[in-house]
N, C-alpha and C. Protein backbone atom coordinates (compact mmCIF):
# COMPACT_ATOMS: atom_id res chain seq x y z
N MET A 1 -12.07 -11.00 -6.87
CA MET A 1 -11.29 -10.48 -5.75
C MET A 1 -11.24 -8.96 -5.85
N LYS A 2 -11.23 -8.32 -4.69
CA LYS A 2 -11.26 -6.86 -4.64
C LYS A 2 -9.99 -6.34 -3.97
N ILE A 3 -9.36 -5.37 -4.63
CA ILE A 3 -8.12 -4.78 -4.13
C ILE A 3 -8.27 -3.27 -4.02
N GLY A 4 -7.79 -2.71 -2.94
CA GLY A 4 -7.77 -1.26 -2.77
C GLY A 4 -6.36 -0.75 -3.00
N VAL A 5 -6.25 0.36 -3.72
CA VAL A 5 -4.96 1.05 -3.88
C VAL A 5 -5.18 2.44 -3.29
N LEU A 6 -4.38 2.78 -2.29
CA LEU A 6 -4.56 4.06 -1.61
C LEU A 6 -4.07 5.23 -2.46
N VAL A 7 -4.77 6.35 -2.34
CA VAL A 7 -4.39 7.55 -3.07
C VAL A 7 -4.54 8.76 -2.14
N GLU A 8 -3.61 9.69 -2.27
CA GLU A 8 -3.60 10.92 -1.50
C GLU A 8 -2.68 11.89 -2.24
N ASP A 9 -2.80 13.16 -1.96
CA ASP A 9 -1.94 14.15 -2.62
C ASP A 9 -0.47 13.78 -2.48
N LEU A 10 0.28 14.07 -3.52
CA LEU A 10 1.72 13.85 -3.62
C LEU A 10 2.11 12.38 -3.77
N TYR A 11 1.16 11.58 -4.32
CA TYR A 11 1.49 10.17 -4.57
C TYR A 11 2.51 10.07 -5.71
N ASN A 12 3.28 8.98 -5.69
CA ASN A 12 4.21 8.68 -6.77
C ASN A 12 3.42 8.08 -7.92
N GLU A 13 3.54 8.66 -9.10
CA GLU A 13 2.73 8.26 -10.26
C GLU A 13 2.91 6.78 -10.59
N LEU A 14 4.13 6.33 -10.73
CA LEU A 14 4.37 4.93 -11.09
C LEU A 14 3.88 3.99 -10.01
N GLU A 15 4.10 4.34 -8.76
CA GLU A 15 3.76 3.45 -7.66
C GLU A 15 2.26 3.36 -7.41
N PHE A 16 1.50 4.32 -7.91
CA PHE A 16 0.04 4.21 -7.88
C PHE A 16 -0.48 3.54 -9.15
N TRP A 17 -0.14 4.10 -10.32
CA TRP A 17 -0.76 3.67 -11.56
C TRP A 17 -0.34 2.26 -12.00
N TYR A 18 0.91 1.90 -11.78
CA TYR A 18 1.35 0.56 -12.20
C TYR A 18 0.53 -0.52 -11.47
N PRO A 19 0.44 -0.51 -10.13
CA PRO A 19 -0.39 -1.53 -9.47
C PRO A 19 -1.88 -1.40 -9.83
N TYR A 20 -2.39 -0.19 -9.88
CA TYR A 20 -3.81 0.04 -10.17
C TYR A 20 -4.19 -0.60 -11.51
N LEU A 21 -3.42 -0.32 -12.53
CA LEU A 21 -3.72 -0.85 -13.86
C LEU A 21 -3.33 -2.31 -14.02
N ARG A 22 -2.21 -2.71 -13.47
CA ARG A 22 -1.75 -4.09 -13.61
C ARG A 22 -2.71 -5.07 -12.94
N LEU A 23 -3.22 -4.70 -11.78
CA LEU A 23 -4.16 -5.56 -11.07
C LEU A 23 -5.50 -5.63 -11.80
N LYS A 24 -5.91 -4.52 -12.42
CA LYS A 24 -7.12 -4.54 -13.26
C LYS A 24 -6.91 -5.47 -14.45
N GLU A 25 -5.71 -5.40 -15.03
CA GLU A 25 -5.38 -6.23 -16.17
C GLU A 25 -5.49 -7.73 -15.82
N GLU A 26 -5.21 -8.07 -14.57
CA GLU A 26 -5.32 -9.46 -14.10
C GLU A 26 -6.76 -9.87 -13.86
N GLY A 27 -7.69 -8.90 -13.97
CA GLY A 27 -9.11 -9.21 -13.80
C GLY A 27 -9.65 -8.95 -12.40
N PHE A 28 -8.85 -8.34 -11.54
CA PHE A 28 -9.32 -8.02 -10.19
C PHE A 28 -10.13 -6.73 -10.22
N GLU A 29 -11.05 -6.61 -9.27
CA GLU A 29 -11.76 -5.35 -9.07
C GLU A 29 -10.83 -4.47 -8.25
N VAL A 30 -10.51 -3.29 -8.77
CA VAL A 30 -9.55 -2.41 -8.11
C VAL A 30 -10.21 -1.07 -7.82
N LEU A 31 -10.06 -0.62 -6.58
CA LEU A 31 -10.63 0.65 -6.14
C LEU A 31 -9.53 1.60 -5.69
N ALA A 32 -9.60 2.84 -6.12
CA ALA A 32 -8.74 3.89 -5.58
C ALA A 32 -9.41 4.39 -4.31
N ILE A 33 -8.75 4.20 -3.19
CA ILE A 33 -9.31 4.56 -1.89
C ILE A 33 -8.52 5.73 -1.31
N GLY A 34 -9.22 6.79 -0.98
CA GLY A 34 -8.59 7.95 -0.36
C GLY A 34 -9.16 8.19 1.02
N PRO A 35 -8.60 9.15 1.74
CA PRO A 35 -9.19 9.52 3.02
C PRO A 35 -10.66 9.98 2.84
N GLU A 36 -10.93 10.58 1.69
CA GLU A 36 -12.28 11.02 1.35
C GLU A 36 -12.68 10.41 0.01
N GLY A 37 -13.93 10.01 -0.10
CA GLY A 37 -14.43 9.47 -1.36
C GLY A 37 -14.77 10.57 -2.34
N GLY A 38 -14.50 10.32 -3.63
CA GLY A 38 -14.84 11.27 -4.68
C GLY A 38 -13.98 12.51 -4.74
N LYS A 39 -12.92 12.54 -3.99
CA LYS A 39 -12.02 13.70 -4.00
C LYS A 39 -10.91 13.48 -5.00
N GLU A 40 -10.52 14.53 -5.71
CA GLU A 40 -9.40 14.45 -6.64
C GLU A 40 -8.10 14.72 -5.91
N TYR A 41 -7.18 13.78 -6.03
CA TYR A 41 -5.85 13.91 -5.43
C TYR A 41 -4.85 14.09 -6.56
N LYS A 42 -3.79 14.83 -6.30
CA LYS A 42 -2.77 15.09 -7.33
C LYS A 42 -1.44 14.46 -6.94
N SER A 43 -0.79 13.90 -7.96
CA SER A 43 0.51 13.26 -7.76
C SER A 43 1.59 14.32 -7.53
N LYS A 44 2.81 13.85 -7.37
CA LYS A 44 3.95 14.75 -7.16
C LYS A 44 4.13 15.72 -8.32
N VAL A 45 3.72 15.31 -9.54
CA VAL A 45 3.83 16.19 -10.71
C VAL A 45 2.49 16.76 -11.13
N GLY A 46 1.45 16.55 -10.32
CA GLY A 46 0.15 17.14 -10.60
C GLY A 46 -0.84 16.27 -11.34
N LEU A 47 -0.49 15.00 -11.61
CA LEU A 47 -1.40 14.09 -12.30
C LEU A 47 -2.57 13.77 -11.36
N PRO A 48 -3.81 14.05 -11.79
CA PRO A 48 -4.95 13.84 -10.90
C PRO A 48 -5.47 12.40 -10.92
N LYS A 49 -6.01 12.00 -9.77
CA LYS A 49 -6.75 10.74 -9.65
C LYS A 49 -7.79 10.94 -8.54
N ALA A 50 -9.05 10.78 -8.91
CA ALA A 50 -10.11 10.88 -7.92
C ALA A 50 -10.27 9.54 -7.22
N SER A 51 -10.45 9.60 -5.93
CA SER A 51 -10.72 8.37 -5.19
C SER A 51 -12.13 7.91 -5.54
N GLU A 52 -12.28 6.61 -5.66
CA GLU A 52 -13.59 6.05 -5.98
C GLU A 52 -14.42 5.84 -4.72
N VAL A 53 -13.75 5.80 -3.58
CA VAL A 53 -14.43 5.59 -2.30
C VAL A 53 -13.52 6.11 -1.18
N GLY A 54 -14.14 6.52 -0.09
CA GLY A 54 -13.39 6.95 1.08
C GLY A 54 -13.12 5.76 1.99
N ALA A 55 -12.03 5.81 2.73
CA ALA A 55 -11.61 4.70 3.59
C ALA A 55 -12.70 4.30 4.59
N LYS A 56 -13.42 5.26 5.14
CA LYS A 56 -14.44 4.93 6.14
C LYS A 56 -15.62 4.16 5.55
N ASP A 57 -15.75 4.20 4.23
CA ASP A 57 -16.86 3.52 3.55
C ASP A 57 -16.48 2.14 3.03
N VAL A 58 -15.30 1.65 3.39
CA VAL A 58 -14.84 0.34 2.93
C VAL A 58 -14.74 -0.59 4.13
N ASP A 59 -15.36 -1.74 4.02
CA ASP A 59 -15.26 -2.77 5.05
C ASP A 59 -13.98 -3.57 4.75
N PRO A 60 -13.02 -3.59 5.69
CA PRO A 60 -11.77 -4.31 5.41
C PRO A 60 -11.99 -5.78 5.07
N LYS A 61 -13.10 -6.36 5.51
CA LYS A 61 -13.39 -7.76 5.22
C LYS A 61 -13.71 -7.96 3.74
N GLU A 62 -14.05 -6.88 3.04
CA GLU A 62 -14.39 -6.97 1.61
C GLU A 62 -13.16 -6.92 0.71
N LEU A 63 -12.02 -6.54 1.26
CA LEU A 63 -10.80 -6.43 0.46
C LEU A 63 -9.94 -7.68 0.60
N ASP A 64 -9.38 -8.12 -0.52
CA ASP A 64 -8.44 -9.23 -0.52
C ASP A 64 -7.01 -8.73 -0.41
N ALA A 65 -6.81 -7.45 -0.70
CA ALA A 65 -5.49 -6.83 -0.60
C ALA A 65 -5.65 -5.32 -0.58
N ILE A 66 -4.64 -4.68 -0.01
CA ILE A 66 -4.55 -3.22 -0.07
C ILE A 66 -3.11 -2.87 -0.42
N VAL A 67 -2.95 -1.92 -1.33
CA VAL A 67 -1.63 -1.50 -1.79
C VAL A 67 -1.42 -0.05 -1.36
N VAL A 68 -0.28 0.21 -0.74
CA VAL A 68 0.07 1.56 -0.29
C VAL A 68 1.23 2.06 -1.14
N PRO A 69 0.94 2.93 -2.14
CA PRO A 69 2.02 3.49 -2.96
C PRO A 69 2.86 4.49 -2.16
N GLY A 70 4.00 4.82 -2.73
CA GLY A 70 4.89 5.76 -2.07
C GLY A 70 4.72 7.18 -2.57
N GLY A 71 5.84 7.87 -2.67
CA GLY A 71 5.81 9.31 -2.88
C GLY A 71 5.74 9.94 -1.50
N TYR A 72 5.15 11.13 -1.44
CA TYR A 72 4.99 11.76 -0.13
C TYR A 72 3.58 11.57 0.40
N ALA A 73 2.72 10.91 -0.37
CA ALA A 73 1.35 10.63 0.05
C ALA A 73 1.29 9.86 1.38
N PRO A 74 2.18 8.89 1.63
CA PRO A 74 2.08 8.14 2.90
C PRO A 74 2.17 9.04 4.13
N ASP A 75 2.91 10.14 4.04
CA ASP A 75 2.99 11.04 5.19
C ASP A 75 1.62 11.67 5.47
N ARG A 76 0.82 11.86 4.43
CA ARG A 76 -0.54 12.39 4.59
C ARG A 76 -1.51 11.26 4.96
N LEU A 77 -1.35 10.11 4.32
CA LEU A 77 -2.24 8.97 4.59
C LEU A 77 -2.20 8.55 6.05
N ARG A 78 -1.02 8.56 6.64
CA ARG A 78 -0.89 8.07 8.02
C ARG A 78 -1.53 9.00 9.04
N ARG A 79 -1.98 10.17 8.61
CA ARG A 79 -2.69 11.10 9.50
C ARG A 79 -4.18 10.81 9.56
N SER A 80 -4.65 9.91 8.70
CA SER A 80 -6.07 9.59 8.62
C SER A 80 -6.38 8.33 9.44
N LYS A 81 -7.18 8.49 10.50
CA LYS A 81 -7.58 7.34 11.31
C LYS A 81 -8.33 6.32 10.47
N ASP A 82 -9.15 6.79 9.53
CA ASP A 82 -9.91 5.86 8.68
C ASP A 82 -8.99 5.01 7.82
N ILE A 83 -7.94 5.62 7.27
CA ILE A 83 -6.95 4.87 6.47
C ILE A 83 -6.24 3.84 7.35
N LEU A 84 -5.79 4.27 8.51
CA LEU A 84 -5.06 3.35 9.40
C LEU A 84 -5.95 2.20 9.86
N ASP A 85 -7.20 2.50 10.18
CA ASP A 85 -8.13 1.44 10.58
C ASP A 85 -8.36 0.45 9.43
N LEU A 86 -8.46 0.96 8.21
CA LEU A 86 -8.67 0.09 7.05
C LEU A 86 -7.47 -0.82 6.82
N VAL A 87 -6.27 -0.24 6.83
CA VAL A 87 -5.05 -1.02 6.62
C VAL A 87 -4.91 -2.08 7.70
N LYS A 88 -5.11 -1.69 8.95
CA LYS A 88 -5.00 -2.64 10.06
C LYS A 88 -6.07 -3.73 9.94
N GLY A 89 -7.27 -3.36 9.53
CA GLY A 89 -8.35 -4.32 9.37
C GLY A 89 -8.05 -5.35 8.29
N VAL A 90 -7.50 -4.89 7.17
CA VAL A 90 -7.13 -5.82 6.09
C VAL A 90 -6.06 -6.79 6.61
N TYR A 91 -5.07 -6.26 7.30
CA TYR A 91 -4.01 -7.09 7.87
C TYR A 91 -4.57 -8.12 8.85
N GLU A 92 -5.42 -7.65 9.77
CA GLU A 92 -5.96 -8.54 10.81
C GLU A 92 -6.88 -9.62 10.23
N ASN A 93 -7.43 -9.38 9.05
CA ASN A 93 -8.26 -10.38 8.39
C ASN A 93 -7.42 -11.36 7.56
N GLY A 94 -6.10 -11.25 7.67
CA GLY A 94 -5.22 -12.19 6.99
C GLY A 94 -5.08 -11.95 5.50
N LYS A 95 -5.48 -10.77 5.06
CA LYS A 95 -5.38 -10.44 3.64
C LYS A 95 -4.05 -9.72 3.39
N ILE A 96 -3.77 -9.46 2.13
CA ILE A 96 -2.46 -8.92 1.74
C ILE A 96 -2.40 -7.41 1.95
N VAL A 97 -1.33 -6.99 2.60
CA VAL A 97 -1.02 -5.57 2.76
C VAL A 97 0.33 -5.38 2.07
N ALA A 98 0.33 -4.59 0.99
CA ALA A 98 1.55 -4.40 0.20
C ALA A 98 1.91 -2.92 0.16
N THR A 99 3.19 -2.65 0.29
CA THR A 99 3.62 -1.26 0.29
C THR A 99 4.99 -1.13 -0.37
N ILE A 100 5.20 0.04 -0.95
CA ILE A 100 6.45 0.32 -1.64
C ILE A 100 6.93 1.72 -1.25
N CYS A 101 8.23 1.89 -1.27
CA CYS A 101 8.86 3.20 -1.06
C CYS A 101 8.58 3.73 0.35
N HIS A 102 7.96 4.92 0.45
CA HIS A 102 7.64 5.55 1.73
C HIS A 102 6.36 4.99 2.35
N GLY A 103 5.70 4.05 1.67
CA GLY A 103 4.45 3.48 2.16
C GLY A 103 4.57 2.80 3.51
N GLY A 104 5.79 2.40 3.87
CA GLY A 104 6.00 1.77 5.17
C GLY A 104 5.55 2.65 6.32
N TRP A 105 5.57 3.97 6.12
CA TRP A 105 5.10 4.88 7.17
C TRP A 105 3.67 4.55 7.58
N VAL A 106 2.83 4.21 6.60
CA VAL A 106 1.42 3.90 6.89
C VAL A 106 1.32 2.63 7.72
N LEU A 107 2.11 1.63 7.38
CA LEU A 107 2.08 0.37 8.12
C LEU A 107 2.62 0.56 9.53
N ILE A 108 3.63 1.42 9.69
CA ILE A 108 4.14 1.74 11.03
C ILE A 108 3.02 2.38 11.85
N SER A 109 2.38 3.40 11.29
CA SER A 109 1.33 4.10 12.02
C SER A 109 0.11 3.22 12.29
N ALA A 110 -0.12 2.22 11.44
CA ALA A 110 -1.22 1.28 11.66
C ALA A 110 -0.85 0.23 12.71
N GLY A 111 0.42 0.22 13.12
CA GLY A 111 0.87 -0.69 14.17
C GLY A 111 1.01 -2.14 13.75
N ILE A 112 1.33 -2.37 12.47
CA ILE A 112 1.39 -3.76 12.00
C ILE A 112 2.78 -4.23 11.56
N LEU A 113 3.79 -3.39 11.72
CA LEU A 113 5.13 -3.78 11.24
C LEU A 113 6.10 -4.24 12.31
N LYS A 114 5.81 -3.95 13.56
CA LYS A 114 6.75 -4.31 14.63
C LYS A 114 7.02 -5.82 14.60
N GLY A 115 8.31 -6.17 14.62
CA GLY A 115 8.71 -7.57 14.62
C GLY A 115 8.71 -8.24 13.26
N LYS A 116 8.38 -7.48 12.21
CA LYS A 116 8.32 -8.03 10.85
C LYS A 116 9.63 -7.75 10.11
N ARG A 117 9.89 -8.57 9.11
CA ARG A 117 11.01 -8.35 8.18
C ARG A 117 10.44 -7.60 7.00
N ALA A 118 11.05 -6.48 6.62
CA ALA A 118 10.50 -5.64 5.54
C ALA A 118 11.59 -4.79 4.92
N THR A 119 11.22 -4.15 3.82
CA THR A 119 12.10 -3.20 3.16
C THR A 119 11.30 -1.93 2.86
N SER A 120 12.00 -0.92 2.35
CA SER A 120 11.38 0.37 2.02
C SER A 120 12.41 1.19 1.26
N TYR A 121 12.01 2.40 0.90
CA TYR A 121 12.97 3.35 0.36
C TYR A 121 14.00 3.63 1.46
N PHE A 122 15.27 3.74 1.09
CA PHE A 122 16.33 3.85 2.09
C PHE A 122 16.16 5.05 3.02
N ALA A 123 15.49 6.10 2.57
CA ALA A 123 15.35 7.32 3.37
C ALA A 123 14.50 7.10 4.63
N ILE A 124 13.66 6.06 4.65
CA ILE A 124 12.88 5.81 5.86
C ILE A 124 13.37 4.56 6.60
N LYS A 125 14.55 4.10 6.25
CA LYS A 125 15.14 2.93 6.91
C LYS A 125 15.17 3.11 8.43
N ASP A 126 15.64 4.27 8.90
CA ASP A 126 15.72 4.50 10.35
C ASP A 126 14.34 4.47 11.00
N ASP A 127 13.34 5.04 10.32
CA ASP A 127 11.97 5.01 10.85
C ASP A 127 11.48 3.58 10.99
N MET A 128 11.79 2.77 9.98
CA MET A 128 11.38 1.37 10.00
C MET A 128 12.07 0.63 11.16
N ILE A 129 13.36 0.79 11.28
CA ILE A 129 14.11 0.12 12.34
C ILE A 129 13.62 0.59 13.72
N ASN A 130 13.41 1.90 13.87
CA ASN A 130 12.94 2.43 15.15
C ASN A 130 11.53 1.94 15.50
N ALA A 131 10.78 1.49 14.49
CA ALA A 131 9.44 0.94 14.72
C ALA A 131 9.50 -0.56 15.00
N GLY A 132 10.71 -1.12 15.07
CA GLY A 132 10.85 -2.53 15.41
C GLY A 132 10.88 -3.47 14.23
N VAL A 133 11.19 -2.93 13.04
CA VAL A 133 11.24 -3.74 11.82
C VAL A 133 12.64 -4.30 11.62
N ASP A 134 12.71 -5.53 11.17
CA ASP A 134 13.98 -6.13 10.72
C ASP A 134 14.14 -5.68 9.27
N TRP A 135 14.76 -4.53 9.06
CA TRP A 135 14.85 -3.89 7.74
C TRP A 135 15.97 -4.52 6.91
N VAL A 136 15.67 -4.85 5.65
CA VAL A 136 16.66 -5.39 4.73
C VAL A 136 16.57 -4.64 3.40
N ASP A 137 17.67 -4.58 2.69
CA ASP A 137 17.72 -3.91 1.39
C ASP A 137 17.57 -4.96 0.29
N GLU A 138 16.32 -5.31 -0.02
CA GLU A 138 16.01 -6.31 -1.05
C GLU A 138 14.87 -5.79 -1.91
N GLU A 139 14.77 -6.30 -3.15
CA GLU A 139 13.73 -5.85 -4.09
C GLU A 139 12.32 -6.02 -3.55
N VAL A 140 12.07 -7.18 -2.99
CA VAL A 140 10.76 -7.47 -2.42
C VAL A 140 10.96 -8.38 -1.21
N VAL A 141 10.17 -8.10 -0.17
CA VAL A 141 10.24 -8.90 1.05
C VAL A 141 8.82 -9.32 1.42
N VAL A 142 8.64 -10.59 1.70
CA VAL A 142 7.35 -11.10 2.14
C VAL A 142 7.50 -11.63 3.55
N ASP A 143 6.67 -11.13 4.45
CA ASP A 143 6.63 -11.65 5.82
C ASP A 143 5.16 -11.86 6.15
N GLY A 144 4.73 -13.11 6.09
CA GLY A 144 3.32 -13.41 6.30
C GLY A 144 2.48 -12.80 5.19
N ASN A 145 1.53 -11.96 5.55
CA ASN A 145 0.67 -11.33 4.54
C ASN A 145 1.11 -9.90 4.19
N ILE A 146 2.33 -9.53 4.59
CA ILE A 146 2.87 -8.21 4.26
C ILE A 146 3.93 -8.35 3.16
N VAL A 147 3.76 -7.54 2.11
CA VAL A 147 4.69 -7.51 0.98
C VAL A 147 5.25 -6.10 0.89
N THR A 148 6.59 -5.96 0.88
CA THR A 148 7.20 -4.64 0.79
C THR A 148 8.26 -4.59 -0.31
N SER A 149 8.39 -3.39 -0.91
CA SER A 149 9.43 -3.14 -1.91
C SER A 149 10.00 -1.74 -1.70
N ARG A 150 11.06 -1.43 -2.47
CA ARG A 150 11.82 -0.21 -2.23
C ARG A 150 11.47 0.97 -3.12
N THR A 151 11.54 0.77 -4.45
CA THR A 151 11.47 1.90 -5.39
C THR A 151 10.71 1.49 -6.65
N PRO A 152 10.41 2.45 -7.53
CA PRO A 152 9.74 2.09 -8.79
C PRO A 152 10.47 1.01 -9.59
N ASP A 153 11.78 0.94 -9.49
CA ASP A 153 12.52 -0.11 -10.20
C ASP A 153 12.10 -1.51 -9.76
N ASP A 154 11.54 -1.62 -8.55
CA ASP A 154 11.13 -2.92 -8.02
C ASP A 154 9.69 -3.28 -8.38
N LEU A 155 8.98 -2.39 -9.07
CA LEU A 155 7.56 -2.62 -9.36
C LEU A 155 7.27 -3.95 -10.08
N PRO A 156 8.05 -4.38 -11.07
CA PRO A 156 7.72 -5.66 -11.71
C PRO A 156 7.70 -6.85 -10.74
N ILE A 157 8.71 -6.99 -9.89
CA ILE A 157 8.73 -8.11 -8.94
C ILE A 157 7.72 -7.88 -7.82
N PHE A 158 7.50 -6.64 -7.45
CA PHE A 158 6.49 -6.30 -6.44
C PHE A 158 5.11 -6.78 -6.88
N LEU A 159 4.74 -6.47 -8.12
CA LEU A 159 3.42 -6.87 -8.62
C LEU A 159 3.34 -8.37 -8.87
N LYS A 160 4.42 -8.97 -9.37
CA LYS A 160 4.41 -10.43 -9.55
C LYS A 160 4.17 -11.12 -8.20
N THR A 161 4.78 -10.60 -7.16
CA THR A 161 4.63 -11.18 -5.82
C THR A 161 3.21 -10.99 -5.30
N ILE A 162 2.67 -9.79 -5.46
CA ILE A 162 1.29 -9.53 -5.00
C ILE A 162 0.32 -10.45 -5.73
N ILE A 163 0.45 -10.55 -7.04
CA ILE A 163 -0.45 -11.39 -7.85
C ILE A 163 -0.33 -12.85 -7.43
N SER A 164 0.88 -13.30 -7.19
CA SER A 164 1.09 -14.69 -6.75
C SER A 164 0.41 -14.92 -5.40
N LYS A 165 0.56 -13.98 -4.48
CA LYS A 165 -0.08 -14.10 -3.15
C LYS A 165 -1.60 -14.10 -3.29
N LEU A 166 -2.14 -13.29 -4.19
CA LEU A 166 -3.59 -13.25 -4.40
C LEU A 166 -4.09 -14.58 -4.93
N LYS A 167 -3.33 -15.19 -5.83
CA LYS A 167 -3.73 -16.49 -6.38
C LYS A 167 -3.73 -17.57 -5.30
N GLU A 168 -2.85 -17.43 -4.30
CA GLU A 168 -2.83 -18.37 -3.17
C GLU A 168 -4.10 -18.25 -2.32
N LEU A 169 -4.68 -17.02 -2.27
CA LEU A 169 -5.89 -16.79 -1.48
C LEU A 169 -7.14 -17.39 -2.12
N LYS A 170 -7.09 -17.56 -3.45
CA LYS A 170 -8.30 -18.03 -4.17
C LYS A 170 -8.77 -19.37 -3.70
């Protein structure tokens, strides 16, 4: 199974690296996907991670899941048509779209959250509600093939849920 983890400048270190490494540990093929392939992106504290592939070079049908980490990267990610097309494509193919913290911004911009039950970091609660989301303050929320969480503290249950959903797809 192949999973994409999005990366862009100002990503949250824990919210990128924990899923990236944990999913590899489970034996999945994991790709760091950025707006551009082979570009080095820096986290909020300057930790670098080069994207292994650009969003336009990934066929959404090839991914079993896509993870959107938080930090301030989602505000940059949602400006990329290629990123939004990829996220929407993964969703429309019935695969898992998982996001944490500010990552909900990307799902809003991809047009896949309206009418869904979801959570996020509290600071974007109003954005989520204004986008038509039934927003709740819970560790992890699953609505169909969308998995959402709030903060780095939720990462253990977030990843357990993603892994469980991936095993259902097998």
